[in-house]
Amino acid sequence: MDKNLLETVTKATLIELGLPDTPASYVDLGAKFIVPALQNSNADQFSIAKYCYRVAAEAGYAEGQAGLGSTYMHDLDGEKDFEQVEYWAKKAADQGNLNGMYGLGTCYCIKGDNINAVYWLLKAADGGHPQAAETLEIIKKLSNFRN
């Protein structure tokens, strides 16, 4: 989707929903588009979600950075890029964002960096991120299976 069209659609949707033009609103809007985009493999919805997360991320908003990083784990727009996942998740994690910590841990896990994966997943789990705790349990079971 063209960037100008993305901007127009996004701003019109914010107005339609009565949301202010803030990074938090862009994250909320991105969240409304990302789930159906992934469930239905809808590239247009995915592009809108990614654009929303990017606006918030570039404004320094940690939840937007975590959201943008997570979009790079998927390939609906041909941009699966674990360096970008790591970059944006780290920015969010460094601000104490649990989703950023979880994303960073997941990224390191996929890249085979188990020490950093466990470090960040533990930080996220200790902060109360439920998926991080579940992922650590899976890692624990797999490591027991290998021994």
N, C-alpha and C. Protein backbone atom coordinates (compact mmCIF):
# COMPACT_ATOMS: atom_id res chain seq x y z
N MET A 1 0.83 -1.17 0.00
CA MET A 1 0.00 0.00 0.00
C MET A 1 0.89 1.25 0.00
N ASP A 2 0.53 2.22 -0.78
CA ASP A 2 1.26 3.48 -0.88
C ASP A 2 1.24 4.22 0.46
N LYS A 3 2.38 4.84 0.81
CA LYS A 3 2.50 5.53 2.11
C LYS A 3 1.47 6.64 2.27
N ASN A 4 1.21 7.41 1.21
CA ASN A 4 0.22 8.49 1.29
C ASN A 4 -1.18 7.94 1.54
N LEU A 5 -1.49 6.82 0.90
CA LEU A 5 -2.79 6.18 1.11
C LEU A 5 -2.89 5.65 2.54
N LEU A 6 -1.80 5.06 3.02
CA LEU A 6 -1.77 4.57 4.41
C LEU A 6 -2.03 5.71 5.39
N GLU A 7 -1.37 6.83 5.17
CA GLU A 7 -1.55 7.98 6.05
C GLU A 7 -2.98 8.49 6.01
N THR A 8 -3.54 8.58 4.82
CA THR A 8 -4.91 9.06 4.66
C THR A 8 -5.91 8.13 5.33
N VAL A 9 -5.78 6.83 5.07
CA VAL A 9 -6.70 5.84 5.66
C VAL A 9 -6.58 5.85 7.18
N THR A 10 -5.36 5.91 7.68
CA THR A 10 -5.14 5.88 9.12
C THR A 10 -5.73 7.11 9.80
N LYS A 11 -5.45 8.29 9.26
CA LYS A 11 -5.97 9.52 9.86
C LYS A 11 -7.50 9.54 9.81
N ALA A 12 -8.08 9.09 8.70
CA ALA A 12 -9.54 9.05 8.58
C ALA A 12 -10.13 8.07 9.60
N THR A 13 -9.47 6.95 9.82
CA THR A 13 -9.96 5.96 10.79
C THR A 13 -9.86 6.51 12.21
N LEU A 14 -8.77 7.21 12.53
CA LEU A 14 -8.65 7.84 13.85
C LEU A 14 -9.80 8.80 14.09
N ILE A 15 -10.10 9.62 13.09
CA ILE A 15 -11.19 10.59 13.20
C ILE A 15 -12.53 9.87 13.36
N GLU A 16 -12.74 8.87 12.53
CA GLU A 16 -13.99 8.10 12.58
C GLU A 16 -14.21 7.46 13.95
N LEU A 17 -13.13 6.98 14.56
CA LEU A 17 -13.23 6.34 15.87
C LEU A 17 -13.18 7.34 17.03
N GLY A 18 -12.96 8.61 16.70
CA GLY A 18 -12.89 9.64 17.73
C GLY A 18 -11.63 9.56 18.56
N LEU A 19 -10.55 9.04 17.99
CA LEU A 19 -9.28 8.91 18.70
C LEU A 19 -8.39 10.11 18.42
N PRO A 20 -7.66 10.59 19.44
CA PRO A 20 -6.74 11.71 19.20
C PRO A 20 -5.53 11.26 18.38
N ASP A 21 -4.86 12.21 17.79
CA ASP A 21 -3.68 11.93 16.97
C ASP A 21 -2.46 11.83 17.90
N THR A 22 -2.36 10.70 18.63
CA THR A 22 -1.26 10.47 19.57
C THR A 22 -0.62 9.11 19.30
N PRO A 23 0.61 8.91 19.75
CA PRO A 23 1.23 7.59 19.57
C PRO A 23 0.39 6.46 20.16
N ALA A 24 -0.21 6.69 21.32
CA ALA A 24 -1.04 5.65 21.95
C ALA A 24 -2.23 5.28 21.05
N SER A 25 -2.82 6.27 20.41
CA SER A 25 -3.95 6.00 19.50
C SER A 25 -3.50 5.19 18.29
N TYR A 26 -2.31 5.50 17.78
CA TYR A 26 -1.79 4.74 16.65
C TYR A 26 -1.56 3.29 17.04
N VAL A 27 -1.07 3.06 18.26
CA VAL A 27 -0.87 1.68 18.73
C VAL A 27 -2.22 0.98 18.85
N ASP A 28 -3.21 1.67 19.43
CA ASP A 28 -4.55 1.07 19.56
C ASP A 28 -5.12 0.72 18.19
N LEU A 29 -4.94 1.61 17.23
CA LEU A 29 -5.45 1.36 15.89
C LEU A 29 -4.68 0.21 15.23
N GLY A 30 -3.37 0.19 15.40
CA GLY A 30 -2.58 -0.92 14.87
C GLY A 30 -3.04 -2.25 15.42
N ALA A 31 -3.36 -2.28 16.71
CA ALA A 31 -3.83 -3.51 17.35
C ALA A 31 -5.17 -3.97 16.77
N LYS A 32 -6.00 -3.03 16.36
CA LYS A 32 -7.29 -3.39 15.76
C LYS A 32 -7.11 -4.05 14.39
N PHE A 33 -6.02 -3.73 13.71
CA PHE A 33 -5.79 -4.27 12.37
C PHE A 33 -4.91 -5.51 12.35
N ILE A 34 -3.99 -5.65 13.31
CA ILE A 34 -2.98 -6.71 13.22
C ILE A 34 -3.58 -8.11 13.37
N VAL A 35 -4.50 -8.29 14.30
CA VAL A 35 -5.04 -9.64 14.54
C VAL A 35 -5.80 -10.15 13.32
N PRO A 36 -6.77 -9.39 12.79
CA PRO A 36 -7.45 -9.91 11.60
C PRO A 36 -6.51 -10.04 10.39
N ALA A 37 -5.52 -9.16 10.32
CA ALA A 37 -4.55 -9.25 9.21
C ALA A 37 -3.83 -10.59 9.25
N LEU A 38 -3.37 -10.98 10.44
CA LEU A 38 -2.64 -12.24 10.56
C LEU A 38 -3.57 -13.45 10.42
N GLN A 39 -4.78 -13.34 10.97
CA GLN A 39 -5.73 -14.45 10.87
C GLN A 39 -6.16 -14.72 9.44
N ASN A 40 -6.28 -13.65 8.66
CA ASN A 40 -6.80 -13.78 7.29
C ASN A 40 -5.74 -13.58 6.22
N SER A 41 -4.49 -13.45 6.62
CA SER A 41 -3.39 -13.17 5.68
C SER A 41 -3.73 -11.98 4.78
N ASN A 42 -4.22 -10.92 5.40
CA ASN A 42 -4.64 -9.73 4.66
C ASN A 42 -3.51 -8.71 4.66
N ALA A 43 -2.86 -8.58 3.52
CA ALA A 43 -1.70 -7.69 3.41
C ALA A 43 -2.06 -6.22 3.60
N ASP A 44 -3.25 -5.80 3.17
CA ASP A 44 -3.63 -4.40 3.33
C ASP A 44 -3.83 -4.06 4.81
N GLN A 45 -4.53 -4.91 5.54
CA GLN A 45 -4.70 -4.68 6.97
C GLN A 45 -3.36 -4.71 7.69
N PHE A 46 -2.49 -5.62 7.26
CA PHE A 46 -1.16 -5.72 7.86
C PHE A 46 -0.37 -4.43 7.61
N SER A 47 -0.47 -3.89 6.41
CA SER A 47 0.24 -2.63 6.08
C SER A 47 -0.26 -1.48 6.94
N ILE A 48 -1.56 -1.43 7.18
CA ILE A 48 -2.11 -0.37 8.03
C ILE A 48 -1.60 -0.52 9.46
N ALA A 49 -1.63 -1.75 9.98
CA ALA A 49 -1.14 -2.00 11.34
C ALA A 49 0.33 -1.61 11.46
N LYS A 50 1.12 -2.03 10.49
CA LYS A 50 2.55 -1.74 10.52
C LYS A 50 2.80 -0.23 10.45
N TYR A 51 2.06 0.45 9.61
CA TYR A 51 2.19 1.90 9.51
C TYR A 51 1.87 2.56 10.85
N CYS A 52 0.78 2.13 11.48
CA CYS A 52 0.38 2.69 12.78
C CYS A 52 1.48 2.48 13.82
N TYR A 53 2.00 1.27 13.88
CA TYR A 53 3.07 0.99 14.83
C TYR A 53 4.31 1.82 14.52
N ARG A 54 4.61 2.01 13.23
CA ARG A 54 5.79 2.79 12.86
C ARG A 54 5.66 4.25 13.31
N VAL A 55 4.48 4.84 13.12
CA VAL A 55 4.27 6.23 13.55
C VAL A 55 4.55 6.35 15.05
N ALA A 56 3.99 5.43 15.84
CA ALA A 56 4.19 5.47 17.29
C ALA A 56 5.65 5.17 17.65
N ALA A 57 6.25 4.20 16.96
CA ALA A 57 7.64 3.80 17.25
C ALA A 57 8.60 4.95 16.98
N GLU A 58 8.42 5.62 15.86
CA GLU A 58 9.32 6.72 15.51
C GLU A 58 9.14 7.92 16.42
N ALA A 59 8.01 7.97 17.13
CA ALA A 59 7.79 9.02 18.13
C ALA A 59 8.41 8.63 19.47
N GLY A 60 9.02 7.44 19.53
CA GLY A 60 9.68 6.99 20.75
C GLY A 60 8.77 6.25 21.71
N TYR A 61 7.57 5.92 21.28
CA TYR A 61 6.58 5.25 22.13
C TYR A 61 6.90 3.75 22.19
N ALA A 62 7.19 3.26 23.39
CA ALA A 62 7.69 1.89 23.57
C ALA A 62 6.72 0.83 23.03
N GLU A 63 5.44 0.99 23.27
CA GLU A 63 4.48 -0.02 22.80
C GLU A 63 4.43 -0.04 21.27
N GLY A 64 4.61 1.12 20.65
CA GLY A 64 4.69 1.17 19.19
C GLY A 64 5.96 0.49 18.68
N GLN A 65 7.06 0.67 19.40
CA GLN A 65 8.32 0.02 19.02
C GLN A 65 8.18 -1.50 19.11
N ALA A 66 7.57 -1.97 20.20
CA ALA A 66 7.36 -3.41 20.35
C ALA A 66 6.44 -3.94 19.25
N GLY A 67 5.38 -3.20 18.96
CA GLY A 67 4.45 -3.62 17.91
C GLY A 67 5.10 -3.65 16.54
N LEU A 68 5.88 -2.62 16.25
CA LEU A 68 6.57 -2.58 14.95
C LEU A 68 7.55 -3.75 14.85
N GLY A 69 8.30 -3.99 15.91
CA GLY A 69 9.23 -5.12 15.89
C GLY A 69 8.52 -6.43 15.61
N SER A 70 7.36 -6.61 16.22
CA SER A 70 6.64 -7.87 16.03
C SER A 70 6.17 -8.05 14.59
N THR A 71 5.90 -6.93 13.88
CA THR A 71 5.44 -7.07 12.50
C THR A 71 6.53 -7.65 11.60
N TYR A 72 7.79 -7.43 11.98
CA TYR A 72 8.89 -7.95 11.17
C TYR A 72 9.11 -9.45 11.35
N MET A 73 8.37 -10.08 12.29
CA MET A 73 8.45 -11.54 12.44
C MET A 73 7.55 -12.24 11.43
N HIS A 74 6.67 -11.48 10.80
CA HIS A 74 5.71 -12.05 9.85
C HIS A 74 6.10 -11.63 8.44
N ASP A 75 5.56 -12.32 7.47
CA ASP A 75 5.99 -12.07 6.09
C ASP A 75 4.84 -11.67 5.18
N LEU A 76 3.83 -11.01 5.72
CA LEU A 76 2.69 -10.63 4.89
C LEU A 76 3.04 -9.55 3.88
N ASP A 77 4.10 -8.80 4.15
CA ASP A 77 4.49 -7.74 3.22
C ASP A 77 5.88 -8.01 2.63
N GLY A 78 6.38 -9.22 2.80
CA GLY A 78 7.68 -9.58 2.24
C GLY A 78 8.85 -8.99 2.99
N GLU A 79 8.63 -8.55 4.22
CA GLU A 79 9.69 -7.90 4.99
C GLU A 79 10.03 -8.63 6.28
N LYS A 80 10.05 -9.97 6.28
CA LYS A 80 10.49 -10.69 7.48
C LYS A 80 11.95 -10.36 7.69
N ASP A 81 12.26 -9.77 8.85
CA ASP A 81 13.61 -9.25 9.07
C ASP A 81 13.91 -9.27 10.56
N PHE A 82 14.68 -10.26 11.00
CA PHE A 82 14.95 -10.41 12.43
C PHE A 82 15.88 -9.34 12.97
N GLU A 83 16.65 -8.69 12.11
CA GLU A 83 17.46 -7.55 12.58
C GLU A 83 16.55 -6.40 12.99
N GLN A 84 15.48 -6.19 12.22
CA GLN A 84 14.51 -5.15 12.56
C GLN A 84 13.70 -5.53 13.80
N VAL A 85 13.36 -6.82 13.93
CA VAL A 85 12.69 -7.28 15.16
C VAL A 85 13.55 -6.91 16.35
N GLU A 86 14.83 -7.30 16.28
CA GLU A 86 15.76 -7.06 17.39
C GLU A 86 15.90 -5.56 17.67
N TYR A 87 16.07 -4.76 16.62
CA TYR A 87 16.26 -3.32 16.77
C TYR A 87 15.09 -2.67 17.52
N TRP A 88 13.87 -2.92 17.03
CA TRP A 88 12.70 -2.26 17.61
C TRP A 88 12.33 -2.85 18.97
N ALA A 89 12.44 -4.15 19.11
CA ALA A 89 12.13 -4.78 20.40
C ALA A 89 13.10 -4.30 21.47
N LYS A 90 14.37 -4.13 21.12
CA LYS A 90 15.38 -3.67 22.07
C LYS A 90 15.08 -2.24 22.52
N LYS A 91 14.65 -1.39 21.59
CA LYS A 91 14.29 -0.01 21.95
C LYS A 91 13.15 -0.02 22.97
N ALA A 92 12.17 -0.89 22.74
CA ALA A 92 11.04 -0.97 23.67
C ALA A 92 11.46 -1.59 25.00
N ALA A 93 12.25 -2.67 24.93
CA ALA A 93 12.69 -3.36 26.14
C ALA A 93 13.53 -2.43 27.01
N ASP A 94 14.36 -1.63 26.39
CA ASP A 94 15.20 -0.70 27.14
C ASP A 94 14.38 0.35 27.89
N GLN A 95 13.13 0.54 27.48
CA GLN A 95 12.24 1.46 28.19
C GLN A 95 11.39 0.72 29.22
N GLY A 96 11.67 -0.58 29.40
CA GLY A 96 10.93 -1.37 30.39
C GLY A 96 9.65 -1.99 29.87
N ASN A 97 9.44 -1.97 28.57
CA ASN A 97 8.21 -2.49 27.98
C ASN A 97 8.25 -4.02 27.94
N LEU A 98 7.26 -4.66 28.56
CA LEU A 98 7.22 -6.12 28.64
C LEU A 98 7.06 -6.79 27.27
N ASN A 99 6.26 -6.20 26.39
CA ASN A 99 6.11 -6.77 25.05
C ASN A 99 7.42 -6.69 24.28
N GLY A 100 8.16 -5.61 24.49
CA GLY A 100 9.48 -5.49 23.86
C GLY A 100 10.43 -6.56 24.38
N MET A 101 10.41 -6.78 25.70
CA MET A 101 11.26 -7.82 26.30
C MET A 101 10.90 -9.20 25.75
N TYR A 102 9.61 -9.47 25.68
CA TYR A 102 9.16 -10.76 25.14
C TYR A 102 9.57 -10.91 23.67
N GLY A 103 9.35 -9.86 22.89
CA GLY A 103 9.73 -9.91 21.48
C GLY A 103 11.22 -10.10 21.28
N LEU A 104 12.00 -9.43 22.11
CA LEU A 104 13.46 -9.56 22.02
C LEU A 104 13.88 -10.97 22.39
N GLY A 105 13.30 -11.51 23.47
CA GLY A 105 13.61 -12.88 23.87
C GLY A 105 13.23 -13.88 22.79
N THR A 106 12.08 -13.68 22.18
CA THR A 106 11.62 -14.57 21.11
C THR A 106 12.56 -14.47 19.91
N CYS A 107 12.95 -13.26 19.58
CA CYS A 107 13.87 -13.05 18.46
C CYS A 107 15.19 -13.78 18.70
N TYR A 108 15.75 -13.62 19.90
CA TYR A 108 17.01 -14.30 20.22
C TYR A 108 16.84 -15.81 20.19
N CYS A 109 15.69 -16.29 20.61
CA CYS A 109 15.41 -17.73 20.59
C CYS A 109 15.45 -18.24 19.14
N ILE A 110 14.79 -17.52 18.26
CA ILE A 110 14.74 -17.91 16.84
C ILE A 110 16.14 -17.85 16.23
N LYS A 111 16.93 -16.86 16.65
CA LYS A 111 18.29 -16.71 16.12
C LYS A 111 19.28 -17.69 16.76
N GLY A 112 18.83 -18.44 17.78
CA GLY A 112 19.69 -19.44 18.41
C GLY A 112 20.58 -18.89 19.51
N ASP A 113 20.32 -17.67 19.96
CA ASP A 113 21.09 -17.05 21.04
C ASP A 113 20.35 -17.33 22.35
N ASN A 114 20.52 -18.55 22.87
CA ASN A 114 19.73 -19.00 24.01
C ASN A 114 19.99 -18.22 25.29
N ILE A 115 21.20 -17.76 25.50
CA ILE A 115 21.50 -17.01 26.73
C ILE A 115 20.71 -15.70 26.75
N ASN A 116 20.78 -14.94 25.67
CA ASN A 116 20.01 -13.69 25.61
C ASN A 116 18.51 -13.95 25.56
N ALA A 117 18.10 -15.03 24.92
CA ALA A 117 16.68 -15.37 24.86
C ALA A 117 16.13 -15.58 26.26
N VAL A 118 16.80 -16.41 27.04
CA VAL A 118 16.33 -16.70 28.40
C VAL A 118 16.40 -15.44 29.26
N TYR A 119 17.45 -14.65 29.11
CA TYR A 119 17.59 -13.41 29.89
C TYR A 119 16.36 -12.52 29.70
N TRP A 120 16.02 -12.23 28.43
CA TRP A 120 14.92 -11.31 28.15
C TRP A 120 13.56 -11.93 28.45
N LEU A 121 13.42 -13.23 28.21
CA LEU A 121 12.15 -13.88 28.54
C LEU A 121 11.92 -13.90 30.05
N LEU A 122 13.00 -14.11 30.83
CA LEU A 122 12.88 -14.06 32.29
C LEU A 122 12.49 -12.67 32.76
N LYS A 123 13.10 -11.63 32.18
CA LYS A 123 12.74 -10.25 32.55
C LYS A 123 11.26 -9.99 32.26
N ALA A 124 10.80 -10.45 31.10
CA ALA A 124 9.40 -10.25 30.74
C ALA A 124 8.48 -11.04 31.67
N ALA A 125 8.84 -12.29 31.94
CA ALA A 125 8.03 -13.14 32.82
C ALA A 125 8.00 -12.56 34.24
N ASP A 126 9.14 -12.11 34.72
CA ASP A 126 9.20 -11.52 36.06
C ASP A 126 8.34 -10.26 36.15
N GLY A 127 8.16 -9.59 35.02
CA GLY A 127 7.31 -8.40 34.99
C GLY A 127 5.84 -8.72 34.83
N GLY A 128 5.53 -10.02 34.61
CA GLY A 128 4.13 -10.43 34.50
C GLY A 128 3.65 -10.74 33.10
N HIS A 129 4.54 -10.85 32.13
CA HIS A 129 4.13 -11.17 30.76
C HIS A 129 3.79 -12.66 30.68
N PRO A 130 2.51 -13.02 30.48
CA PRO A 130 2.12 -14.44 30.53
C PRO A 130 2.73 -15.31 29.41
N GLN A 131 2.85 -14.76 28.22
CA GLN A 131 3.43 -15.55 27.13
C GLN A 131 4.90 -15.83 27.37
N ALA A 132 5.60 -14.92 28.03
CA ALA A 132 7.01 -15.14 28.33
C ALA A 132 7.15 -16.32 29.28
N ALA A 133 6.29 -16.37 30.28
CA ALA A 133 6.33 -17.49 31.23
C ALA A 133 6.04 -18.81 30.52
N GLU A 134 5.08 -18.81 29.62
CA GLU A 134 4.74 -20.01 28.86
C GLU A 134 5.91 -20.43 27.96
N THR A 135 6.54 -19.48 27.32
CA THR A 135 7.67 -19.77 26.44
C THR A 135 8.83 -20.35 27.24
N LEU A 136 9.08 -19.81 28.42
CA LEU A 136 10.15 -20.34 29.28
C LEU A 136 9.85 -21.78 29.70
N GLU A 137 8.59 -22.09 29.95
CA GLU A 137 8.21 -23.47 30.31
C GLU A 137 8.48 -24.41 29.14
N ILE A 138 8.18 -23.97 27.94
CA ILE A 138 8.45 -24.79 26.75
C ILE A 138 9.95 -25.02 26.60
N ILE A 139 10.73 -23.96 26.77
CA ILE A 139 12.19 -24.08 26.66
C ILE A 139 12.71 -25.05 27.72
N LYS A 140 12.18 -24.94 28.92
CA LYS A 140 12.59 -25.83 30.01
C LYS A 140 12.29 -27.29 29.66
N LYS A 141 11.09 -27.54 29.16
CA LYS A 141 10.71 -28.91 28.78
C LYS A 141 11.59 -29.43 27.65
N LEU A 142 11.88 -28.58 26.68
CA LEU A 142 12.73 -29.00 25.57
C LEU A 142 14.15 -29.29 26.04
N SER A 143 14.65 -28.48 26.96
CA SER A 143 16.02 -28.71 27.44
C SER A 143 16.08 -29.98 28.30
N ASN A 144 15.01 -30.29 29.04
CA ASN A 144 14.96 -31.55 29.79
C ASN A 144 14.86 -32.73 28.85
N PHE A 145 14.16 -32.55 27.74
CA PHE A 145 14.01 -33.60 26.75
C PHE A 145 15.36 -33.95 26.13
N ARG A 146 16.18 -32.94 25.92
CA ARG A 146 17.48 -33.16 25.27
C ARG A 146 18.50 -33.80 26.21
N ASN A 147 18.34 -33.66 27.49
CA ASN A 147 19.33 -34.19 28.45
C ASN A 147 19.13 -35.66 28.71
